[in-house]
C-alpha cells in the first residue's frame, strides 16, 4: 500500500526532481501521470487551486513544489 501519491506529467522537470528526491528518501510512493489519468486534474485544481505539478498527496494533504522538497522522513 502506498501512503504517498505523486501526480506528475512527462517533460516536467520539477516532477522528475520530486521523484528523484522521494527516491533518495527511500520512501514508497505511487506516481500518477495526469496525462494518462486526466480525471485527477479537476481534483488537483480543487485541492490546490490550480493545476500545479508536481503534487504529492500524503495522508490526504496535498503538497506542492517547495513543500515536497522540504519533507523529512523519520524511520
Foldseek 3Di string as FASTA:
>chain_A
DAQKEKEDAPPDPLSVVLVVLVVVLVGDYHYDYCVVVVVCQVVCCVQVVHDAPTWMAGPNHTDHRVRSNPDDDDD
